[in-house]
Amino acid sequence: MDLPSVGEVFEKGEAYGSVESVKAASDVYAPVGGEVLEINKDLEESPEMVNESAESNGWFIKLKVKDASEMEGLLDAAAYAEYCKTDN
């Protein structure tokens, strides 16, 4: 896990860190722009939480959203579940 520092500011769509697996490393992108308020330091010791507990303990960062209108295009849990059922 490579996560940013508290206080860093990112624009929507900008890479703020990366995740490395056995096969590859992948960038992680900000879904909205904002300032990093907190990072999940527990992931440094237990990165498997991302897969095991993504919706509770596996979060990466907490952002102070710069522009709430950027959230309009995001999916909620139900919409994402439906999207995953399609051939996209």
PDB file of N, CA and C in Angstrom:
ATOM      1  N   MET A   1       0.844  -1.173   0.000  1.00  0.00           N
ATOM      2  CA  MET A   1       0.000   0.000   0.000  1.00  0.00           C
ATOM      3  C   MET A   1       0.890   1.237   0.000  1.00  0.00           C
ATOM      4  N   ASP A   2       0.554   2.149  -0.852  1.00  0.00           N
ATOM      5  CA  ASP A   2       1.220   3.456  -0.868  1.00  0.00           C
ATOM      6  C   ASP A   2       0.112   4.495  -0.788  1.00  0.00           C
ATOM      7  N   LEU A   3      -0.048   5.095   0.385  1.00  0.00           N
ATOM      8  CA  LEU A   3      -1.117   6.053   0.606  1.00  0.00           C
ATOM      9  C   LEU A   3      -0.535   7.446   0.816  1.00  0.00           C
ATOM     10  N   PRO A   4      -1.329   8.493   0.568  1.00  0.00           N
ATOM     11  CA  PRO A   4      -0.832   9.864   0.702  1.00  0.00           C
ATOM     12  C   PRO A   4      -0.715  10.276   2.169  1.00  0.00           C
ATOM     13  N   SER A   5      -0.244  11.469   2.372  1.00  0.00           N
ATOM     14  CA  SER A   5      -0.150  12.039   3.714  1.00  0.00           C
ATOM     15  C   SER A   5      -1.382  12.875   4.009  1.00  0.00           C
ATOM     16  N   VAL A   6      -1.729  12.962   5.283  1.00  0.00           N
ATOM     17  CA  VAL A   6      -2.817  13.835   5.703  1.00  0.00           C
ATOM     18  C   VAL A   6      -2.474  15.259   5.264  1.00  0.00           C
ATOM     19  N   GLY A   7      -3.455  15.961   4.736  1.00  0.00           N
ATOM     20  CA  GLY A   7      -3.259  17.328   4.274  1.00  0.00           C
ATOM     21  C   GLY A   7      -3.027  17.466   2.784  1.00  0.00           C
ATOM     22  N   GLU A   8      -2.662  16.373   2.117  1.00  0.00           N
ATOM     23  CA  GLU A   8      -2.475  16.446   0.671  1.00  0.00           C
ATOM     24  C   GLU A   8      -3.821  16.688  -0.001  1.00  0.00           C
ATOM     25  N   VAL A   9      -3.790  17.368  -1.133  1.00  0.00           N
ATOM     26  CA  VAL A   9      -5.007  17.707  -1.875  1.00  0.00           C
ATOM     27  C   VAL A   9      -4.945  17.051  -3.246  1.00  0.00           C
ATOM     28  N   PHE A  10      -6.073  16.447  -3.657  1.00  0.00           N
ATOM     29  CA  PHE A  10      -6.144  15.762  -4.936  1.00  0.00           C
ATOM     30  C   PHE A  10      -7.369  16.225  -5.701  1.00  0.00           C
ATOM     31  N   GLU A  11      -7.251  16.212  -7.016  1.00  0.00           N
ATOM     32  CA  GLU A  11      -8.364  16.525  -7.897  1.00  0.00           C
ATOM     33  C   GLU A  11      -9.105  15.233  -8.232  1.00  0.00           C
ATOM     34  N   LYS A  12     -10.357  15.353  -8.627  1.00  0.00           N
ATOM     35  CA  LYS A  12     -11.140  14.200  -9.047  1.00  0.00           C
ATOM     36  C   LYS A  12     -10.404  13.470 -10.164  1.00  0.00           C
ATOM     37  N   GLY A  13     -10.252  12.161 -10.020  1.00  0.00           N
ATOM     38  CA  GLY A  13      -9.598  11.350 -11.030  1.00  0.00           C
ATOM     39  C   GLY A  13      -8.088  11.266 -10.911  1.00  0.00           C
ATOM     40  N   GLU A  14      -7.511  12.004  -9.996  1.00  0.00           N
ATOM     41  CA  GLU A  14      -6.055  11.999  -9.817  1.00  0.00           C
ATOM     42  C   GLU A  14      -5.633  10.806  -8.956  1.00  0.00           C
ATOM     43  N   ALA A  15      -4.513  10.175  -9.310  1.00  0.00           N
ATOM     44  CA  ALA A  15      -3.991   9.069  -8.513  1.00  0.00           C
ATOM     45  C   ALA A  15      -3.482   9.607  -7.178  1.00  0.00           C
ATOM     46  N   TYR A  16      -3.921   8.965  -6.098  1.00  0.00           N
ATOM     47  CA  TYR A  16      -3.462   9.390  -4.769  1.00  0.00           C
ATOM     48  C   TYR A  16      -2.631   8.319  -4.078  1.00  0.00           C
ATOM     49  N   GLY A  17      -2.510   7.168  -4.677  1.00  0.00           N
ATOM     50  CA  GLY A  17      -1.727   6.099  -4.082  1.00  0.00           C
ATOM     51  C   GLY A  17      -1.694   4.904  -5.001  1.00  0.00           C
ATOM     52  N   SER A  18      -1.189   3.799  -4.472  1.00  0.00           N
ATOM     53  CA  SER A  18      -1.147   2.571  -5.262  1.00  0.00           C
ATOM     54  C   SER A  18      -1.279   1.358  -4.350  1.00  0.00           C
ATOM     55  N   VAL A  19      -1.688   0.269  -4.985  1.00  0.00           N
ATOM     56  CA  VAL A  19      -1.851  -1.011  -4.296  1.00  0.00           C
ATOM     57  C   VAL A  19      -1.050  -2.030  -5.082  1.00  0.00           C
ATOM     58  N   GLU A  20      -0.259  -2.815  -4.387  1.00  0.00           N
ATOM     59  CA  GLU A  20       0.556  -3.825  -5.049  1.00  0.00           C
ATOM     60  C   GLU A  20       0.053  -5.207  -4.664  1.00  0.00           C
ATOM     61  N   SER A  21      -0.103  -6.049  -5.664  1.00  0.00           N
ATOM     62  CA  SER A  21      -0.479  -7.440  -5.425  1.00  0.00           C
ATOM     63  C   SER A  21       0.668  -8.323  -5.877  1.00  0.00           C
ATOM     64  N   VAL A  22       0.459  -9.604  -5.835  1.00  0.00           N
ATOM     65  CA  VAL A  22       1.483 -10.546  -6.283  1.00  0.00           C
ATOM     66  C   VAL A  22       1.784 -10.351  -7.763  1.00  0.00           C
ATOM     67  N   LYS A  23       0.748 -10.012  -8.551  1.00  0.00           N
ATOM     68  CA  LYS A  23       0.895  -9.937 -10.002  1.00  0.00           C
ATOM     69  C   LYS A  23       1.203  -8.542 -10.539  1.00  0.00           C
ATOM     70  N   ALA A  24       0.756  -7.484  -9.849  1.00  0.00           N
ATOM     71  CA  ALA A  24       0.912  -6.141 -10.423  1.00  0.00           C
ATOM     72  C   ALA A  24       0.699  -5.066  -9.366  1.00  0.00           C
ATOM     73  N   ALA A  25       1.061  -3.848  -9.737  1.00  0.00           N
ATOM     74  CA  ALA A  25       0.757  -2.674  -8.913  1.00  0.00           C
ATOM     75  C   ALA A  25      -0.252  -1.828  -9.681  1.00  0.00           C
ATOM     76  N   SER A  26      -1.221  -1.276  -8.960  1.00  0.00           N
ATOM     77  CA  SER A  26      -2.265  -0.470  -9.586  1.00  0.00           C
ATOM     78  C   SER A  26      -2.416   0.849  -8.843  1.00  0.00           C
ATOM     79  N   ASP A  27      -2.606   1.912  -9.604  1.00  0.00           N
ATOM     80  CA  ASP A  27      -2.884   3.199  -8.992  1.00  0.00           C
ATOM     81  C   ASP A  27      -4.296   3.211  -8.427  1.00  0.00           C
ATOM     82  N   VAL A  28      -4.502   4.059  -7.425  1.00  0.00           N
ATOM     83  CA  VAL A  28      -5.817   4.265  -6.819  1.00  0.00           C
ATOM     84  C   VAL A  28      -6.169   5.734  -7.064  1.00  0.00           C
ATOM     85  N   TYR A  29      -7.381   5.989  -7.561  1.00  0.00           N
ATOM     86  CA  TYR A  29      -7.782   7.320  -7.997  1.00  0.00           C
ATOM     87  C   TYR A  29      -8.848   7.925  -7.091  1.00  0.00           C
ATOM     88  N   ALA A  30      -8.772   9.226  -6.910  1.00  0.00           N
ATOM     89  CA  ALA A  30      -9.746   9.954  -6.097  1.00  0.00           C
ATOM     90  C   ALA A  30     -11.076  10.025  -6.839  1.00  0.00           C
ATOM     91  N   PRO A  31     -12.167   9.564  -6.220  1.00  0.00           N
ATOM     92  CA  PRO A  31     -13.472   9.639  -6.876  1.00  0.00           C
ATOM     93  C   PRO A  31     -14.008  11.067  -6.930  1.00  0.00           C
ATOM     94  N   VAL A  32     -13.545  11.896  -6.023  1.00  0.00           N
ATOM     95  CA  VAL A  32     -13.885  13.326  -5.980  1.00  0.00           C
ATOM     96  C   VAL A  32     -12.644  14.073  -5.514  1.00  0.00           C
ATOM     97  N   GLY A  33     -12.598  15.367  -5.774  1.00  0.00           N
ATOM     98  CA  GLY A  33     -11.469  16.165  -5.321  1.00  0.00           C
ATOM     99  C   GLY A  33     -11.611  16.540  -3.860  1.00  0.00           C
ATOM    100  N   GLY A  34     -10.474  16.700  -3.198  1.00  0.00           N
ATOM    101  CA  GLY A  34     -10.533  17.125  -1.810  1.00  0.00           C
ATOM    102  C   GLY A  34      -9.210  16.961  -1.089  1.00  0.00           C
ATOM    103  N   GLU A  35      -9.261  17.259   0.198  1.00  0.00           N
ATOM    104  CA  GLU A  35      -8.085  17.195   1.073  1.00  0.00           C
ATOM    105  C   GLU A  35      -8.141  15.935   1.916  1.00  0.00           C
ATOM    106  N   VAL A  36      -7.017  15.238   2.034  1.00  0.00           N
ATOM    107  CA  VAL A  36      -6.940  14.026   2.840  1.00  0.00           C
ATOM    108  C   VAL A  36      -6.996  14.413   4.321  1.00  0.00           C
ATOM    109  N   LEU A  37      -8.025  13.907   5.010  1.00  0.00           N
ATOM    110  CA  LEU A  37      -8.183  14.157   6.438  1.00  0.00           C
ATOM    111  C   LEU A  37      -7.597  13.041   7.291  1.00  0.00           C
ATOM    112  N   GLU A  38      -7.631  11.821   6.737  1.00  0.00           N
ATOM    113  CA  GLU A  38      -7.175  10.660   7.502  1.00  0.00           C
ATOM    114  C   GLU A  38      -6.792   9.550   6.535  1.00  0.00           C
ATOM    115  N   ILE A  39      -5.788   8.766   6.910  1.00  0.00           N
ATOM    116  CA  ILE A  39      -5.437   7.565   6.151  1.00  0.00           C
ATOM    117  C   ILE A  39      -5.640   6.357   7.066  1.00  0.00           C
ATOM    118  N   ASN A  40      -5.911   5.222   6.485  1.00  0.00           N
ATOM    119  CA  ASN A  40      -6.112   3.997   7.250  1.00  0.00           C
ATOM    120  C   ASN A  40      -4.760   3.336   7.478  1.00  0.00           C
ATOM    121  N   LYS A  41      -4.128   3.673   8.592  1.00  0.00           N
ATOM    122  CA  LYS A  41      -2.797   3.138   8.908  1.00  0.00           C
ATOM    123  C   LYS A  41      -2.821   1.637   9.159  1.00  0.00           C
ATOM    124  N   ASP A  42      -3.991   1.094   9.494  1.00  0.00           N
ATOM    125  CA  ASP A  42      -4.097  -0.351   9.727  1.00  0.00           C
ATOM    126  C   ASP A  42      -3.787  -1.160   8.470  1.00  0.00           C
ATOM    127  N   LEU A  43      -3.958  -0.551   7.297  1.00  0.00           N
ATOM    128  CA  LEU A  43      -3.686  -1.269   6.052  1.00  0.00           C
ATOM    129  C   LEU A  43      -2.199  -1.561   5.861  1.00  0.00           C
ATOM    130  N   GLU A  44      -1.345  -0.780   6.498  1.00  0.00           N
ATOM    131  CA  GLU A  44       0.096  -1.030   6.384  1.00  0.00           C
ATOM    132  C   GLU A  44       0.449  -2.402   6.957  1.00  0.00           C
ATOM    133  N   GLU A  45      -0.184  -2.767   8.070  1.00  0.00           N
ATOM    134  CA  GLU A  45       0.079  -4.048   8.720  1.00  0.00           C
ATOM    135  C   GLU A  45      -0.826  -5.163   8.199  1.00  0.00           C
ATOM    136  N   SER A  46      -2.023  -4.791   7.733  1.00  0.00           N
ATOM    137  CA  SER A  46      -3.004  -5.789   7.307  1.00  0.00           C
ATOM    138  C   SER A  46      -3.670  -5.383   5.993  1.00  0.00           C
ATOM    139  N   PRO A  47      -2.935  -5.370   4.882  1.00  0.00           N
ATOM    140  CA  PRO A  47      -3.531  -4.949   3.608  1.00  0.00           C
ATOM    141  C   PRO A  47      -4.652  -5.857   3.135  1.00  0.00           C
ATOM    142  N   GLU A  48      -4.729  -7.064   3.657  1.00  0.00           N
ATOM    143  CA  GLU A  48      -5.794  -7.985   3.262  1.00  0.00           C
ATOM    144  C   GLU A  48      -7.179  -7.475   3.662  1.00  0.00           C
ATOM    145  N   MET A  49      -7.238  -6.489   4.560  1.00  0.00           N
ATOM    146  CA  MET A  49      -8.531  -5.921   4.955  1.00  0.00           C
ATOM    147  C   MET A  49      -9.268  -5.309   3.770  1.00  0.00           C
ATOM    148  N   VAL A  50      -8.532  -4.879   2.754  1.00  0.00           N
ATOM    149  CA  VAL A  50      -9.165  -4.310   1.569  1.00  0.00           C
ATOM    150  C   VAL A  50     -10.111  -5.329   0.943  1.00  0.00           C
ATOM    151  N   ASN A  51      -9.703  -6.571   0.877  1.00  0.00           N
ATOM    152  CA  ASN A  51     -10.530  -7.630   0.295  1.00  0.00           C
ATOM    153  C   ASN A  51     -11.509  -8.229   1.305  1.00  0.00           C
ATOM    154  N   GLU A  52     -11.082  -8.353   2.548  1.00  0.00           N
ATOM    155  CA  GLU A  52     -11.893  -9.026   3.559  1.00  0.00           C
ATOM    156  C   GLU A  52     -12.974  -8.144   4.158  1.00  0.00           C
ATOM    157  N   SER A  53     -12.742  -6.833   4.184  1.00  0.00           N
ATOM    158  CA  SER A  53     -13.638  -5.935   4.902  1.00  0.00           C
ATOM    159  C   SER A  53     -13.718  -4.573   4.220  1.00  0.00           C
ATOM    160  N   ALA A  54     -13.927  -4.582   2.918  1.00  0.00           N
ATOM    161  CA  ALA A  54     -13.856  -3.354   2.115  1.00  0.00           C
ATOM    162  C   ALA A  54     -14.835  -2.277   2.560  1.00  0.00           C
ATOM    163  N   GLU A  55     -16.010  -2.651   3.012  1.00  0.00           N
ATOM    164  CA  GLU A  55     -17.022  -1.658   3.359  1.00  0.00           C
ATOM    165  C   GLU A  55     -16.969  -1.210   4.821  1.00  0.00           C
ATOM    166  N   SER A  56     -16.064  -1.779   5.617  1.00  0.00           N
ATOM    167  CA  SER A  56     -15.971  -1.337   7.004  1.00  0.00           C
ATOM    168  C   SER A  56     -14.535  -0.994   7.391  1.00  0.00           C
ATOM    169  N   ASN A  57     -13.642  -1.958   7.417  1.00  0.00           N
ATOM    170  CA  ASN A  57     -12.269  -1.716   7.879  1.00  0.00           C
ATOM    171  C   ASN A  57     -11.250  -1.529   6.767  1.00  0.00           C
ATOM    172  N   GLY A  58     -11.632  -1.779   5.520  1.00  0.00           N
ATOM    173  CA  GLY A  58     -10.676  -1.752   4.416  1.00  0.00           C
ATOM    174  C   GLY A  58     -10.612  -0.444   3.649  1.00  0.00           C
ATOM    175  N   TRP A  59     -11.104   0.644   4.232  1.00  0.00           N
ATOM    176  CA  TRP A  59     -11.066   1.943   3.556  1.00  0.00           C
ATOM    177  C   TRP A  59      -9.629   2.453   3.450  1.00  0.00           C
ATOM    178  N   PHE A  60      -9.360   3.309   2.463  1.00  0.00           N
ATOM    179  CA  PHE A  60      -8.008   3.829   2.229  1.00  0.00           C
ATOM    180  C   PHE A  60      -7.803   5.192   2.885  1.00  0.00           C
ATOM    181  N   ILE A  61      -8.637   6.162   2.469  1.00  0.00           N
ATOM    182  CA  ILE A  61      -8.492   7.528   2.968  1.00  0.00           C
ATOM    183  C   ILE A  61      -9.866   8.141   3.223  1.00  0.00           C
ATOM    184  N   LYS A  62      -9.867   9.185   4.025  1.00  0.00           N
ATOM    185  CA  LYS A  62     -11.061  10.008   4.214  1.00  0.00           C
ATOM    186  C   LYS A  62     -10.737  11.387   3.663  1.00  0.00           C
ATOM    187  N   LEU A  63     -11.627  11.894   2.815  1.00  0.00           N
ATOM    188  CA  LEU A  63     -11.426  13.177   2.143  1.00  0.00           C
ATOM    189  C   LEU A  63     -12.412  14.228   2.628  1.00  0.00           C
ATOM    190  N   LYS A  64     -11.954  15.447   2.713  1.00  0.00           N
ATOM    191  CA  LYS A  64     -12.851  16.601   2.862  1.00  0.00           C
ATOM    192  C   LYS A  64     -13.161  17.017   1.431  1.00  0.00           C
ATOM    193  N   VAL A  65     -14.395  16.796   1.008  1.00  0.00           N
ATOM    194  CA  VAL A  65     -14.788  17.023  -0.378  1.00  0.00           C
ATOM    195  C   VAL A  65     -14.740  18.511  -0.710  1.00  0.00           C
ATOM    196  N   LYS A  66     -14.093  18.819  -1.827  1.00  0.00           N
ATOM    197  CA  LYS A  66     -13.948  20.209  -2.265  1.00  0.00           C
ATOM    198  C   LYS A  66     -15.203  20.722  -2.949  1.00  0.00           C
ATOM    199  N   ASP A  67     -15.815  19.893  -3.784  1.00  0.00           N
ATOM    200  CA  ASP A  67     -16.983  20.302  -4.565  1.00  0.00           C
ATOM    201  C   ASP A  67     -18.012  19.172  -4.534  1.00  0.00           C
ATOM    202  N   ALA A  68     -19.060  19.351  -3.742  1.00  0.00           N
ATOM    203  CA  ALA A  68     -20.061  18.301  -3.565  1.00  0.00           C
ATOM    204  C   ALA A  68     -20.725  17.883  -4.870  1.00  0.00           C
ATOM    205  N   SER A  69     -20.741  18.748  -5.867  1.00  0.00           N
ATOM    206  CA  SER A  69     -21.373  18.385  -7.143  1.00  0.00           C
ATOM    207  C   SER A  69     -20.626  17.240  -7.833  1.00  0.00           C
ATOM    208  N   GLU A  70     -19.359  17.023  -7.500  1.00  0.00           N
ATOM    209  CA  GLU A  70     -18.603  15.915  -8.087  1.00  0.00           C
ATOM    210  C   GLU A  70     -19.141  14.559  -7.626  1.00  0.00           C
ATOM    211  N   MET A  71     -19.907  14.537  -6.565  1.00  0.00           N
ATOM    212  CA  MET A  71     -20.442  13.282  -6.040  1.00  0.00           C
ATOM    213  C   MET A  71     -21.665  12.807  -6.816  1.00  0.00           C
ATOM    214  N   GLU A  72     -22.230  13.673  -7.642  1.00  0.00           N
ATOM    215  CA  GLU A  72     -23.456  13.342  -8.371  1.00  0.00           C
ATOM    216  C   GLU A  72     -23.310  12.131  -9.291  1.00  0.00           C
ATOM    217  N   GLY A  73     -22.157  11.892  -9.840  1.00  0.00           N
ATOM    218  CA  GLY A  73     -21.966  10.779 -10.765  1.00  0.00           C
ATOM    219  C   GLY A  73     -21.568   9.471 -10.105  1.00  0.00           C
ATOM    220  N   LEU A  74     -21.428   9.455  -8.783  1.00  0.00           N
ATOM    221  CA  LEU A  74     -21.002   8.244  -8.092  1.00  0.00           C
ATOM    222  C   LEU A  74     -22.172   7.292  -7.867  1.00  0.00           C
ATOM    223  N   LEU A  75     -21.872   5.999  -7.796  1.00  0.00           N
ATOM    224  CA  LEU A  75     -22.886   4.977  -7.565  1.00  0.00           C
ATOM    225  C   LEU A  75     -23.003   4.677  -6.076  1.00  0.00           C
ATOM    226  N   ASP A  76     -24.240   4.423  -5.613  1.00  0.00           N
ATOM    227  CA  ASP A  76     -24.397   3.913  -4.258  1.00  0.00           C
ATOM    228  C   ASP A  76     -24.226   2.393  -4.321  1.00  0.00           C
ATOM    229  N   ALA A  77     -24.298   1.721  -3.165  1.00  0.00           N
ATOM    230  CA  ALA A  77     -24.039   0.279  -3.114  1.00  0.00           C
ATOM    231  C   ALA A  77     -24.999  -0.506  -4.004  1.00  0.00           C
ATOM    232  N   ALA A  78     -26.275  -0.150  -3.994  1.00  0.00           N
ATOM    233  CA  ALA A  78     -27.264  -0.875  -4.805  1.00  0.00           C
ATOM    234  C   ALA A  78     -27.010  -0.697  -6.304  1.00  0.00           C
ATOM    235  N   ALA A  79     -26.710   0.521  -6.709  1.00  0.00           N
ATOM    236  CA  ALA A  79     -26.443   0.782  -8.128  1.00  0.00           C
ATOM    237  C   ALA A  79     -25.168   0.075  -8.581  1.00  0.00           C
ATOM    238  N   TYR A  80     -24.165   0.024  -7.707  1.00  0.00           N
ATOM    239  CA  TYR A  80     -22.924  -0.677  -8.057  1.00  0.00           C
ATOM    240  C   TYR A  80     -23.170  -2.180  -8.197  1.00  0.00           C
ATOM    241  N   ALA A  81     -23.981  -2.749  -7.317  1.00  0.00           N
ATOM    242  CA  ALA A  81     -24.308  -4.176  -7.406  1.00  0.00           C
ATOM    243  C   ALA A  81     -25.001  -4.478  -8.728  1.00  0.00           C
ATOM    244  N   GLU A  82     -25.898  -3.612  -9.153  1.00  0.00           N
ATOM    245  CA  GLU A  82     -26.573  -3.788 -10.438  1.00  0.00           C
ATOM    246  C   GLU A  82     -25.576  -3.677 -11.589  1.00  0.00           C
ATOM    247  N   TYR A  83     -24.686  -2.705 -11.519  1.00  0.00           N
ATOM    248  CA  TYR A  83     -23.676  -2.515 -12.555  1.00  0.00           C
ATOM    249  C   TYR A  83     -22.817  -3.777 -12.699  1.00  0.00           C
ATOM    250  N   CYS A  84     -22.480  -4.406 -11.586  1.00  0.00           N
ATOM    251  CA  CYS A  84     -21.631  -5.596 -11.615  1.00  0.00           C
ATOM    252  C   CYS A  84     -22.323  -6.777 -12.285  1.00  0.00           C
ATOM    253  N   LYS A  85     -23.633  -6.756 -12.381  1.00  0.00           N
ATOM    254  CA  LYS A  85     -24.378  -7.836 -13.021  1.00  0.00           C
ATOM    255  C   LYS A  85     -24.375  -7.704 -14.548  1.00  0.00           C
ATOM    256  N   THR A  86     -23.961  -6.551 -15.052  1.00  0.00           N
ATOM    257  CA  THR A  86     -23.967  -6.322 -16.497  1.00  0.00           C
ATOM    258  C   THR A  86     -22.660  -6.775 -17.115  1.00  0.00           C
ATOM    259  N   ASP A  87     -22.573  -6.704 -18.431  1.00  0.00           N
ATOM    260  CA  ASP A  87     -21.386  -7.113 -19.164  1.00  0.00           C
ATOM    261  C   ASP A  87     -20.409  -5.963 -19.378  1.00  0.00           C
ATOM    262  N   ASN A  88     -20.454  -4.928 -18.570  1.00  0.00           N
ATOM    263  CA  ASN A  88     -19.554  -3.773 -18.737  1.00  0.00           C
ATOM    264  C   ASN A  88     -18.144  -4.084 -18.400  1.00  0.00           C
TER     265      ASN A  88
END
